[in-house]
Amino acid sequence: VQLQASGGGLVQAGGSLRLSCAASGRTLSSYVMGWFRRAPGKEREFVAAISWSGGSIYYADSVKGRFTISRDNAKNTVYLQMNSLKPEDTAVYYCAADLRTVGVHPWEYEYWGQGTQVTVSS
């Protein structure tokens, strides 16, 4: 499966963005999906994950209550709604997919998109 992330941009603190991850090549309905991010000089970190059915959802503590992950299997797309953005949310955001159970570590995902830049100004 090929993943294409989009929706990043420059936003002021307190603003919102919605990231999209569109899949091609295979249907996403069988895959668990995750969002990760990498800030400059830091390791890639977990943001959110969702099971294939949407019944299980996990968030990093740093984004809980502000970000929402969702999926539309009919559109082969996963979303990350980001509200109340903070400068520390600035990073390249990546979507990832895997056929196994929902994970919170990068090594638990086999397929990765190219990343989309999110910059939050103070």
N, C-alpha and C. Protein backbone atom coordinates (compact mmCIF):
# COMPACT_ATOMS: atom_id res chain seq x y z
N VAL A 1 0.84 -1.18 0.00
CA VAL A 1 0.00 0.00 0.00
C VAL A 1 0.88 1.24 0.00
N GLN A 2 0.49 2.25 -0.78
CA GLN A 2 1.21 3.52 -0.81
C GLN A 2 0.39 4.57 -0.06
N LEU A 3 1.07 5.36 0.76
CA LEU A 3 0.40 6.36 1.59
C LEU A 3 0.86 7.75 1.21
N GLN A 4 -0.07 8.68 1.15
CA GLN A 4 0.22 10.06 0.81
C GLN A 4 -0.38 10.96 1.88
N ALA A 5 0.47 11.60 2.67
CA ALA A 5 -0.01 12.52 3.70
C ALA A 5 -0.08 13.93 3.13
N SER A 6 -1.08 14.67 3.58
CA SER A 6 -1.25 16.05 3.14
C SER A 6 -1.97 16.85 4.21
N GLY A 7 -2.03 18.16 4.01
CA GLY A 7 -2.77 19.02 4.92
C GLY A 7 -1.93 19.83 5.87
N GLY A 8 -0.63 19.63 5.84
CA GLY A 8 0.23 20.41 6.71
C GLY A 8 0.30 21.86 6.28
N GLY A 9 0.93 22.68 7.11
CA GLY A 9 1.07 24.08 6.77
C GLY A 9 1.54 24.88 7.97
N LEU A 10 1.44 26.19 7.82
CA LEU A 10 1.83 27.12 8.88
C LEU A 10 0.57 27.66 9.55
N VAL A 11 0.53 27.58 10.87
CA VAL A 11 -0.65 28.04 11.61
C VAL A 11 -0.18 28.69 12.90
N GLN A 12 -0.96 29.64 13.38
CA GLN A 12 -0.63 30.28 14.65
C GLN A 12 -1.03 29.39 15.82
N ALA A 13 -0.37 29.58 16.94
CA ALA A 13 -0.72 28.84 18.14
C ALA A 13 -2.20 29.03 18.46
N GLY A 14 -2.84 27.93 18.82
CA GLY A 14 -4.27 27.96 19.08
C GLY A 14 -5.12 27.60 17.87
N GLY A 15 -4.49 27.55 16.72
CA GLY A 15 -5.21 27.24 15.49
C GLY A 15 -5.40 25.75 15.28
N SER A 16 -5.96 25.42 14.12
CA SER A 16 -6.28 24.03 13.79
C SER A 16 -5.80 23.67 12.40
N LEU A 17 -5.53 22.41 12.22
CA LEU A 17 -5.22 21.84 10.92
C LEU A 17 -5.81 20.44 10.87
N ARG A 18 -6.14 19.97 9.67
CA ARG A 18 -6.56 18.59 9.50
C ARG A 18 -5.64 17.93 8.49
N LEU A 19 -4.95 16.92 8.95
CA LEU A 19 -4.10 16.13 8.07
C LEU A 19 -4.90 14.98 7.49
N SER A 20 -4.56 14.63 6.26
CA SER A 20 -5.17 13.49 5.59
C SER A 20 -4.08 12.52 5.15
N CYS A 21 -4.42 11.27 5.15
CA CYS A 21 -3.52 10.22 4.66
C CYS A 21 -4.32 9.35 3.71
N ALA A 22 -4.04 9.50 2.43
CA ALA A 22 -4.76 8.76 1.41
C ALA A 22 -3.94 7.55 0.99
N ALA A 23 -4.62 6.43 0.82
CA ALA A 23 -3.95 5.19 0.43
C ALA A 23 -4.26 4.84 -1.01
N SER A 24 -3.30 4.20 -1.65
CA SER A 24 -3.52 3.68 -2.99
C SER A 24 -2.84 2.32 -3.07
N GLY A 25 -3.29 1.54 -4.01
CA GLY A 25 -2.70 0.23 -4.20
C GLY A 25 -3.43 -0.88 -3.47
N ARG A 26 -3.89 -0.59 -2.28
CA ARG A 26 -4.64 -1.56 -1.50
C ARG A 26 -5.71 -0.81 -0.71
N THR A 27 -6.76 -1.51 -0.33
CA THR A 27 -7.76 -0.89 0.50
C THR A 27 -7.24 -0.78 1.94
N LEU A 28 -7.57 0.33 2.57
CA LEU A 28 -7.08 0.57 3.92
C LEU A 28 -7.87 -0.16 4.99
N SER A 29 -8.99 -0.74 4.63
CA SER A 29 -9.91 -1.26 5.63
C SER A 29 -9.32 -2.38 6.47
N SER A 30 -8.27 -3.04 5.98
CA SER A 30 -7.66 -4.14 6.74
C SER A 30 -6.48 -3.69 7.59
N TYR A 31 -6.11 -2.42 7.47
CA TYR A 31 -4.89 -1.94 8.11
C TYR A 31 -5.18 -1.13 9.37
N VAL A 32 -4.33 -1.31 10.36
CA VAL A 32 -4.31 -0.36 11.45
C VAL A 32 -3.49 0.83 10.98
N MET A 33 -3.83 2.01 11.46
CA MET A 33 -3.19 3.23 10.99
C MET A 33 -2.65 4.03 12.16
N GLY A 34 -1.53 4.67 11.91
CA GLY A 34 -0.94 5.50 12.95
C GLY A 34 -0.44 6.80 12.38
N TRP A 35 -0.35 7.79 13.24
CA TRP A 35 0.30 9.05 12.94
C TRP A 35 1.49 9.21 13.88
N PHE A 36 2.61 9.59 13.31
CA PHE A 36 3.81 9.86 14.08
C PHE A 36 4.33 11.23 13.66
N ARG A 37 5.24 11.76 14.43
CA ARG A 37 5.84 13.04 14.06
C ARG A 37 7.31 13.06 14.48
N ARG A 38 8.06 13.88 13.74
CA ARG A 38 9.47 14.06 14.08
C ARG A 38 9.77 15.55 14.08
N ALA A 39 10.12 16.05 15.24
CA ALA A 39 10.52 17.45 15.38
C ALA A 39 12.02 17.55 15.10
N PRO A 40 12.50 18.72 14.74
CA PRO A 40 13.93 18.89 14.46
C PRO A 40 14.79 18.45 15.64
N GLY A 41 15.75 17.58 15.36
CA GLY A 41 16.67 17.13 16.39
C GLY A 41 16.10 16.10 17.34
N LYS A 42 14.91 15.61 17.06
CA LYS A 42 14.29 14.63 17.96
C LYS A 42 13.97 13.34 17.24
N GLU A 43 13.70 12.31 18.02
CA GLU A 43 13.31 11.03 17.45
C GLU A 43 11.86 11.09 16.97
N ARG A 44 11.53 10.19 16.07
CA ARG A 44 10.14 10.07 15.64
C ARG A 44 9.31 9.60 16.82
N GLU A 45 8.17 10.24 17.06
CA GLU A 45 7.35 9.89 18.21
C GLU A 45 5.91 9.61 17.80
N PHE A 46 5.29 8.78 18.59
CA PHE A 46 3.91 8.40 18.36
C PHE A 46 2.97 9.56 18.65
N VAL A 47 1.94 9.70 17.81
CA VAL A 47 0.91 10.72 18.01
C VAL A 47 -0.44 10.08 18.27
N ALA A 48 -0.88 9.22 17.35
CA ALA A 48 -2.21 8.61 17.47
C ALA A 48 -2.27 7.36 16.61
N ALA A 49 -3.18 6.47 16.96
CA ALA A 49 -3.37 5.24 16.18
C ALA A 49 -4.82 4.81 16.26
N ILE A 50 -5.25 4.09 15.23
CA ILE A 50 -6.63 3.65 15.15
C ILE A 50 -6.67 2.26 14.54
N SER A 51 -7.53 1.41 15.09
CA SER A 51 -7.68 0.06 14.56
C SER A 51 -8.40 0.08 13.22
N TRP A 52 -8.45 -1.07 12.56
CA TRP A 52 -9.05 -1.12 11.23
C TRP A 52 -10.53 -0.76 11.27
N SER A 53 -11.19 -1.08 12.36
CA SER A 53 -12.62 -0.79 12.47
C SER A 53 -12.89 0.59 13.07
N GLY A 54 -11.87 1.19 13.64
CA GLY A 54 -12.07 2.45 14.35
C GLY A 54 -12.50 2.24 15.78
N GLY A 55 -12.62 1.00 16.20
CA GLY A 55 -13.10 0.71 17.55
C GLY A 55 -12.07 0.93 18.64
N SER A 56 -10.80 0.91 18.28
CA SER A 56 -9.73 1.15 19.25
C SER A 56 -8.90 2.33 18.79
N ILE A 57 -8.73 3.29 19.67
CA ILE A 57 -7.99 4.51 19.35
C ILE A 57 -7.05 4.82 20.51
N TYR A 58 -5.84 5.24 20.15
CA TYR A 58 -4.84 5.58 21.16
C TYR A 58 -4.23 6.94 20.81
N TYR A 59 -3.88 7.68 21.86
CA TYR A 59 -3.25 8.98 21.69
C TYR A 59 -2.04 9.09 22.60
N ALA A 60 -1.06 9.84 22.14
CA ALA A 60 0.02 10.24 23.03
C ALA A 60 -0.55 11.22 24.05
N ASP A 61 0.00 11.19 25.25
CA ASP A 61 -0.49 12.08 26.30
C ASP A 61 -0.38 13.55 25.89
N SER A 62 0.62 13.87 25.10
CA SER A 62 0.87 15.25 24.72
C SER A 62 -0.20 15.82 23.79
N VAL A 63 -0.98 14.96 23.15
CA VAL A 63 -1.99 15.44 22.20
C VAL A 63 -3.41 15.08 22.63
N LYS A 64 -3.53 14.31 23.69
CA LYS A 64 -4.85 13.86 24.13
C LYS A 64 -5.73 15.06 24.45
N GLY A 65 -6.96 15.03 23.93
CA GLY A 65 -7.89 16.13 24.16
C GLY A 65 -7.80 17.24 23.13
N ARG A 66 -6.74 17.22 22.32
CA ARG A 66 -6.56 18.25 21.28
C ARG A 66 -6.62 17.66 19.88
N PHE A 67 -6.12 16.45 19.70
CA PHE A 67 -6.08 15.81 18.39
C PHE A 67 -7.11 14.69 18.34
N THR A 68 -7.64 14.46 17.14
CA THR A 68 -8.59 13.37 16.92
C THR A 68 -8.22 12.62 15.66
N ILE A 69 -8.04 11.31 15.80
CA ILE A 69 -7.78 10.47 14.64
C ILE A 69 -9.09 9.82 14.22
N SER A 70 -9.29 9.72 12.91
CA SER A 70 -10.49 9.07 12.40
C SER A 70 -10.15 8.46 11.05
N ARG A 71 -11.04 7.63 10.56
CA ARG A 71 -10.82 7.01 9.27
C ARG A 71 -12.13 6.87 8.52
N ASP A 72 -12.01 6.93 7.20
CA ASP A 72 -13.13 6.70 6.31
C ASP A 72 -12.68 5.61 5.34
N ASN A 73 -13.00 4.39 5.65
CA ASN A 73 -12.53 3.28 4.83
C ASN A 73 -13.11 3.33 3.41
N ALA A 74 -14.29 3.89 3.27
CA ALA A 74 -14.89 4.01 1.93
C ALA A 74 -14.06 4.95 1.05
N LYS A 75 -13.41 5.94 1.69
CA LYS A 75 -12.58 6.89 0.94
C LYS A 75 -11.10 6.51 1.00
N ASN A 76 -10.81 5.40 1.69
CA ASN A 76 -9.42 4.96 1.80
C ASN A 76 -8.53 6.04 2.41
N THR A 77 -9.04 6.71 3.41
CA THR A 77 -8.35 7.86 3.98
C THR A 77 -8.44 7.86 5.50
N VAL A 78 -7.35 8.29 6.12
CA VAL A 78 -7.31 8.48 7.57
C VAL A 78 -7.01 9.95 7.82
N TYR A 79 -7.58 10.48 8.89
CA TYR A 79 -7.46 11.89 9.20
C TYR A 79 -6.86 12.10 10.58
N LEU A 80 -6.24 13.25 10.74
CA LEU A 80 -5.81 13.69 12.05
C LEU A 80 -6.24 15.14 12.20
N GLN A 81 -7.28 15.35 12.98
CA GLN A 81 -7.75 16.71 13.28
C GLN A 81 -6.95 17.24 14.44
N MET A 82 -6.29 18.35 14.25
CA MET A 82 -5.43 18.92 15.27
C MET A 82 -5.96 20.29 15.67
N ASN A 83 -6.38 20.40 16.90
CA ASN A 83 -6.91 21.66 17.43
C ASN A 83 -6.00 22.18 18.54
N SER A 84 -6.18 23.44 18.88
CA SER A 84 -5.40 24.06 19.96
C SER A 84 -3.91 23.80 19.78
N LEU A 85 -3.45 24.01 18.58
CA LEU A 85 -2.05 23.70 18.28
C LEU A 85 -1.09 24.58 19.07
N LYS A 86 0.03 23.97 19.42
CA LYS A 86 1.07 24.64 20.20
C LYS A 86 2.37 24.64 19.40
N PRO A 87 3.27 25.57 19.68
CA PRO A 87 4.56 25.58 18.97
C PRO A 87 5.29 24.24 19.08
N GLU A 88 5.14 23.55 20.19
CA GLU A 88 5.81 22.26 20.35
C GLU A 88 5.21 21.15 19.49
N ASP A 89 4.11 21.43 18.80
CA ASP A 89 3.56 20.48 17.85
C ASP A 89 4.25 20.57 16.50
N THR A 90 5.11 21.55 16.33
CA THR A 90 5.84 21.71 15.07
C THR A 90 6.68 20.48 14.78
N ALA A 91 6.47 19.89 13.62
CA ALA A 91 7.16 18.65 13.24
C ALA A 91 6.74 18.25 11.84
N VAL A 92 7.43 17.27 11.31
CA VAL A 92 6.95 16.58 10.12
C VAL A 92 6.08 15.43 10.60
N TYR A 93 4.88 15.36 10.08
CA TYR A 93 3.92 14.35 10.49
C TYR A 93 3.85 13.26 9.42
N TYR A 94 3.91 12.02 9.89
CA TYR A 94 3.89 10.86 9.01
C TYR A 94 2.70 9.97 9.35
N CYS A 95 2.08 9.42 8.30
CA CYS A 95 1.10 8.38 8.54
C CYS A 95 1.74 7.03 8.23
N ALA A 96 1.23 6.02 8.88
CA ALA A 96 1.79 4.68 8.75
C ALA A 96 0.68 3.65 8.82
N ALA A 97 0.95 2.49 8.22
CA ALA A 97 -0.05 1.43 8.17
C ALA A 97 0.59 0.08 8.44
N ASP A 98 -0.20 -0.81 8.99
CA ASP A 98 0.27 -2.17 9.21
C ASP A 98 -0.93 -3.10 9.29
N LEU A 99 -0.67 -4.38 9.02
CA LEU A 99 -1.75 -5.36 9.03
C LEU A 99 -1.91 -6.04 10.39
N ARG A 100 -1.02 -5.73 11.33
CA ARG A 100 -1.09 -6.39 12.64
C ARG A 100 -1.91 -5.56 13.61
N THR A 101 -1.70 -5.72 14.87
CA THR A 101 -2.51 -5.01 15.87
C THR A 101 -2.02 -3.56 16.01
N VAL A 102 -2.84 -2.74 16.60
CA VAL A 102 -2.52 -1.32 16.78
C VAL A 102 -1.27 -1.18 17.63
N GLY A 103 -0.33 -0.38 17.17
CA GLY A 103 0.91 -0.18 17.90
C GLY A 103 1.21 1.29 18.11
N VAL A 104 2.10 1.56 19.05
CA VAL A 104 2.50 2.93 19.35
C VAL A 104 3.97 3.18 19.08
N HIS A 105 4.64 2.20 18.48
CA HIS A 105 6.06 2.34 18.15
C HIS A 105 6.25 2.31 16.65
N PRO A 106 7.21 3.10 16.15
CA PRO A 106 7.43 3.12 14.69
C PRO A 106 7.71 1.74 14.11
N TRP A 107 8.42 0.88 14.85
CA TRP A 107 8.79 -0.41 14.28
C TRP A 107 7.60 -1.36 14.13
N GLU A 108 6.45 -0.96 14.65
CA GLU A 108 5.25 -1.79 14.52
C GLU A 108 4.48 -1.50 13.23
N TYR A 109 5.01 -0.61 12.41
CA TYR A 109 4.34 -0.23 11.17
C TYR A 109 5.25 -0.51 9.98
N GLU A 110 4.69 -1.16 8.97
CA GLU A 110 5.48 -1.55 7.81
C GLU A 110 5.47 -0.49 6.71
N TYR A 111 4.36 0.20 6.56
CA TYR A 111 4.21 1.13 5.43
C TYR A 111 4.15 2.57 5.95
N TRP A 112 4.84 3.45 5.22
CA TRP A 112 4.94 4.84 5.67
C TRP A 112 4.69 5.80 4.51
N GLY A 113 4.04 6.90 4.82
CA GLY A 113 3.91 7.99 3.87
C GLY A 113 5.13 8.89 3.92
N GLN A 114 5.16 9.92 3.09
CA GLN A 114 6.35 10.74 2.94
C GLN A 114 6.44 11.87 3.96
N GLY A 115 5.39 12.16 4.67
CA GLY A 115 5.42 13.21 5.68
C GLY A 115 4.89 14.53 5.17
N THR A 116 4.30 15.29 6.08
CA THR A 116 3.81 16.63 5.77
C THR A 116 4.22 17.55 6.91
N GLN A 117 4.72 18.73 6.57
CA GLN A 117 5.27 19.65 7.57
C GLN A 117 4.15 20.45 8.23
N VAL A 118 4.19 20.47 9.56
CA VAL A 118 3.29 21.32 10.34
C VAL A 118 4.16 22.27 11.15
N THR A 119 3.91 23.55 10.99
CA THR A 119 4.65 24.58 11.71
C THR A 119 3.67 25.45 12.47
N VAL A 120 3.86 25.54 13.78
CA VAL A 120 2.99 26.34 14.63
C VAL A 120 3.79 27.51 15.18
N SER A 121 3.36 28.70 14.84
CA SER A 121 4.07 29.89 15.29
C SER A 121 3.46 30.40 16.60
N SER A 122 4.31 31.01 17.41
CA SER A 122 3.84 31.50 18.72
C SER A 122 3.35 32.93 18.63
